[in-house]
Amino acid sequence: MVVGCLGDIIFQVSEETTETLQGTEWSGEARYAVHQRHLQNALTEFTGIEPDKISFSMQLTPLLGADIIGELVKIWTYERSGEAVPLVIGDKPYGKYRWNILKHSAKYEESDVWGNPLLAVVDVELQEYLRS
C-alpha cells in the first residue's frame, strides 16, 4: 500500500517493501519588518510569509525491501539539481505547489561484514516551492 511520495521516492508498506516516514514536522513562519522611531516604540509591519518547511526521517533497510543507496541517490539528485517535486502523504498533497530538498543526512546504523549498509536513518528537510 502506497502511503505517499516525494517525486519518484515512494513511501509504501507491502509484503515486499516497507519505506515510511517518521517524525514528520511541518512549520511555517510570518515575516515582519521593524521600523524604529525616534523616542517612540518601534512599529512592526507584516511583510509576507516565508516558505513552509517540512522535515522527516526515513528508516531504510534492505531486509524490508528498501534500496538504501538507490533512495539516497534519488534524494541527492533532487537536492543537487534544485528540481521541485510534489509531496503527497496519505491521500493529501502538501503545500501549494511543490517542494525542494534543502538538505539531507544519512546515518548508517548497521552494516554487513563487507561494509554495505543494512540499516540507515535518512533525515530530509524540504522547503516549499511556489510558482512565480
Protein backbone atom coordinates (compact mmCIF):
# COMPACT_ATOMS: atom_id res chain seq x y z
CA MET A 1 0.00 0.00 0.00
CA VAL A 2 1.42 3.36 -1.02
CA VAL A 3 1.30 5.85 1.86
CA GLY A 4 2.81 8.78 -0.03
CA CYS A 5 5.59 10.01 -2.28
CA LEU A 6 8.17 12.72 -2.77
CA GLY A 7 8.62 12.92 -6.52
CA ASP A 8 9.51 9.34 -7.51
CA ILE A 9 10.51 8.33 -3.97
CA ILE A 10 7.62 6.13 -2.89
CA PHE A 11 6.62 5.70 0.77
CA GLN A 12 4.95 2.30 0.99
CA VAL A 13 4.12 -0.72 3.08
CA SER A 14 3.73 -4.09 1.37
CA GLU A 15 4.84 -7.69 1.73
CA GLU A 16 7.99 -6.86 -0.23
CA THR A 17 8.88 -3.32 0.87
CA THR A 18 8.49 -1.04 3.86
CA GLU A 19 9.53 2.62 3.46
CA THR A 20 7.68 5.03 5.71
CA LEU A 21 8.11 8.48 7.21
CA GLN A 22 8.81 9.11 10.88
CA GLY A 23 8.81 12.30 12.91
CA THR A 24 7.26 14.46 10.20
CA GLU A 25 7.28 18.14 11.17
CA TRP A 26 5.61 20.91 9.14
CA SER A 27 6.42 24.51 10.02
CA GLY A 28 5.63 27.97 8.72
CA GLU A 29 6.72 31.48 9.54
CA ALA A 30 5.45 35.02 9.05
CA ARG A 31 7.81 37.84 8.06
CA TYR A 32 7.76 41.24 9.76
CA ALA A 33 9.75 44.45 9.35
CA VAL A 34 10.51 46.54 12.42
CA HIS A 35 10.57 50.31 11.88
CA GLN A 36 12.50 52.23 14.50
CA ARG A 37 11.06 55.59 15.57
CA HIS A 38 12.83 58.33 17.47
CA LEU A 39 11.79 58.37 21.16
CA GLN A 40 8.78 56.11 20.48
CA ASN A 41 8.02 52.43 20.33
CA ALA A 42 9.07 50.67 17.18
CA LEU A 43 6.36 49.78 14.68
CA THR A 44 6.03 46.32 13.22
CA GLU A 45 4.72 45.68 9.73
CA PHE A 46 3.61 42.34 8.31
CA THR A 47 5.54 41.94 5.06
CA GLY A 48 4.65 38.41 3.99
CA ILE A 49 5.09 34.72 4.62
CA GLU A 50 8.26 32.65 4.42
CA PRO A 51 8.08 29.35 2.51
CA ASP A 52 6.84 26.46 4.63
CA LYS A 53 9.28 23.73 5.64
CA ILE A 54 8.76 20.04 6.23
CA SER A 55 11.25 17.64 7.77
CA PHE A 56 11.04 13.91 8.31
CA SER A 57 13.11 10.77 8.79
CA MET A 58 13.04 7.52 6.86
CA GLN A 59 14.35 4.25 8.21
CA LEU A 60 15.62 2.15 5.31
CA THR A 61 16.77 -1.46 5.35
CA PRO A 62 17.20 -4.00 2.57
CA LEU A 63 15.75 -6.55 4.99
CA LEU A 64 12.40 -4.80 4.35
CA GLY A 65 12.96 -4.36 0.62
CA ALA A 66 14.47 -0.86 0.59
CA ASP A 67 17.37 0.03 -1.70
CA ILE A 68 19.32 2.35 0.62
CA ILE A 69 21.83 3.62 -1.94
CA GLY A 70 19.17 3.91 -4.67
CA GLU A 71 16.94 6.07 -2.44
CA LEU A 72 19.89 8.22 -1.36
CA VAL A 73 20.85 8.80 -5.00
CA LYS A 74 17.28 10.00 -5.74
CA ILE A 75 17.38 12.38 -2.77
CA TRP A 76 20.86 13.60 -3.69
CA THR A 77 19.83 14.16 -7.32
CA TYR A 78 16.74 16.20 -6.37
CA GLU A 79 18.78 18.25 -3.89
CA ARG A 80 21.69 18.96 -6.26
CA SER A 81 19.54 19.72 -9.31
CA GLY A 82 17.11 22.02 -7.48
CA GLU A 83 14.19 20.12 -9.01
CA ALA A 84 10.88 20.92 -7.30
CA VAL A 85 8.81 17.80 -6.68
CA PRO A 86 5.33 17.11 -5.33
CA LEU A 87 4.88 15.75 -1.79
CA VAL A 88 1.92 13.52 -1.01
CA ILE A 89 1.33 11.94 2.40
CA GLY A 90 -1.70 9.72 2.73
CA ASP A 91 -4.18 10.91 0.15
CA LYS A 92 -3.33 14.62 0.52
CA PRO A 93 -0.86 16.70 -1.48
CA TYR A 94 1.08 19.05 0.80
CA GLY A 95 1.83 22.69 0.08
CA LYS A 96 0.52 25.00 -2.60
CA TYR A 97 2.67 23.57 -5.38
CA ARG A 98 5.93 21.62 -4.91
CA TRP A 99 8.96 21.18 -2.63
CA ASN A 100 12.74 21.44 -2.89
CA ILE A 101 15.08 19.29 -0.83
CA LEU A 102 17.22 21.71 1.16
CA LYS A 103 19.38 19.15 2.89
CA HIS A 104 19.65 15.53 3.90
CA SER A 105 21.74 13.36 6.14
CA ALA A 106 22.08 9.60 6.27
CA LYS A 107 23.32 7.70 9.28
CA TYR A 108 24.26 4.07 8.76
CA GLU A 109 23.18 2.30 11.94
CA GLU A 110 24.23 -1.20 10.85
CA SER A 111 26.28 -2.71 8.04
CA ASP A 112 27.20 -6.18 6.84
CA VAL A 113 30.70 -7.69 7.04
CA TRP A 114 31.61 -6.04 3.70
CA GLY A 115 30.54 -2.57 4.85
CA ASN A 116 27.26 -2.43 2.93
CA PRO A 117 24.56 -0.61 4.89
CA LEU A 118 21.87 -2.82 6.41
CA LEU A 119 20.05 -0.06 8.25
CA ALA A 120 20.11 3.66 7.51
CA VAL A 121 18.21 6.55 9.04
CA VAL A 122 17.81 9.34 6.49
CA ASP A 123 16.75 12.83 7.58
CA VAL A 124 15.34 15.14 4.91
CA GLU A 125 14.44 18.84 5.07
CA LEU A 126 12.15 20.34 2.41
CA GLN A 127 11.21 23.93 1.56
CA GLU A 128 8.03 24.88 -0.24
CA TYR A 129 8.48 25.96 -3.84
CA LEU A 130 5.75 28.23 -5.23
CA ARG A 131 5.00 29.12 -8.81
CA SER A 132 6.02 32.68 -9.66
